[in-house]
Amino acid sequence: MNDLMELLITPFTFPFMQKAIITTLVTGTVCAMLSCFLILKVGL
């Protein structure tokens, strides 16, 4: 179990991977909110 956690955490020790996950989370959040807004705006 410890080896699995180490395998999953190791890539995030690199700065570019930390920036990539932050960018992905921000982009995903913005797209989710925008899509809900557009569906509600167009649907009504």
C-alpha atoms as a PDB file:
ATOM      1  CA  MET A   1       0.000   0.000   0.000  1.00  0.00           C
ATOM      2  CA  ASN A   2       2.874   2.348   0.814  1.00  0.00           C
ATOM      3  CA  ASP A   3       4.444   1.702  -2.600  1.00  0.00           C
ATOM      4  CA  LEU A   4       1.189   2.660  -4.326  1.00  0.00           C
ATOM      5  CA  MET A   5       0.967   5.963  -2.448  1.00  0.00           C
ATOM      6  CA  GLU A   6       4.600   6.737  -3.267  1.00  0.00           C
ATOM      7  CA  LEU A   7       3.956   5.949  -6.925  1.00  0.00           C
ATOM      8  CA  LEU A   8       0.992   8.359  -6.998  1.00  0.00           C
ATOM      9  CA  ILE A   9       2.698  11.189  -5.076  1.00  0.00           C
ATOM     10  CA  THR A  10       6.130  11.091  -6.741  1.00  0.00           C
ATOM     11  CA  PRO A  11       5.165  13.002  -9.947  1.00  0.00           C
ATOM     12  CA  PHE A  12       3.877  15.935  -7.884  1.00  0.00           C
ATOM     13  CA  THR A  13       7.333  16.614  -6.469  1.00  0.00           C
ATOM     14  CA  PHE A  14       8.177  18.322  -9.775  1.00  0.00           C
ATOM     15  CA  PRO A  15       7.182  22.012 -10.035  1.00  0.00           C
ATOM     16  CA  PHE A  16       5.748  21.673 -13.559  1.00  0.00           C
ATOM     17  CA  MET A  17       3.419  18.898 -12.401  1.00  0.00           C
ATOM     18  CA  GLN A  18       2.197  21.067  -9.516  1.00  0.00           C
ATOM     19  CA  LYS A  19       1.468  23.889 -11.959  1.00  0.00           C
ATOM     20  CA  ALA A  20      -0.253  21.445 -14.318  1.00  0.00           C
ATOM     21  CA  ILE A  21      -2.626  20.103 -11.647  1.00  0.00           C
ATOM     22  CA  ILE A  22      -3.485  23.621 -10.462  1.00  0.00           C
ATOM     23  CA  THR A  23      -4.151  24.723 -14.051  1.00  0.00           C
ATOM     24  CA  THR A  24      -6.305  21.653 -14.655  1.00  0.00           C
ATOM     25  CA  LEU A  25      -8.364  22.225 -11.504  1.00  0.00           C
ATOM     26  CA  VAL A  26      -8.918  25.925 -12.275  1.00  0.00           C
ATOM     27  CA  THR A  27      -9.823  25.228 -15.902  1.00  0.00           C
ATOM     28  CA  GLY A  28     -12.190  22.430 -14.940  1.00  0.00           C
ATOM     29  CA  THR A  29     -13.934  24.590 -12.341  1.00  0.00           C
ATOM     30  CA  VAL A  30     -14.371  27.538 -14.702  1.00  0.00           C
ATOM     31  CA  CYS A  31     -15.650  25.324 -17.525  1.00  0.00           C
ATOM     32  CA  ALA A  32     -18.119  23.577 -15.207  1.00  0.00           C
ATOM     33  CA  MET A  33     -19.557  26.878 -13.946  1.00  0.00           C
ATOM     34  CA  LEU A  34     -19.673  28.393 -17.441  1.00  0.00           C
ATOM     35  CA  SER A  35     -21.423  25.377 -18.932  1.00  0.00           C
ATOM     36  CA  CYS A  36     -24.084  25.395 -16.190  1.00  0.00           C
ATOM     37  CA  PHE A  37     -24.616  29.128 -16.715  1.00  0.00           C
ATOM     38  CA  LEU A  38     -24.970  28.730 -20.480  1.00  0.00           C
ATOM     39  CA  ILE A  39     -27.391  25.819 -20.202  1.00  0.00           C
ATOM     40  CA  LEU A  40     -29.584  27.767 -17.780  1.00  0.00           C
ATOM     41  CA  LYS A  41     -29.394  30.955 -19.857  1.00  0.00           C
ATOM     42  CA  VAL A  42     -30.195  29.291 -23.203  1.00  0.00           C
ATOM     43  CA  GLY A  43     -32.709  26.842 -21.747  1.00  0.00           C
ATOM     44  CA  LEU A  44     -34.882  29.583 -20.275  1.00  0.00           C
END
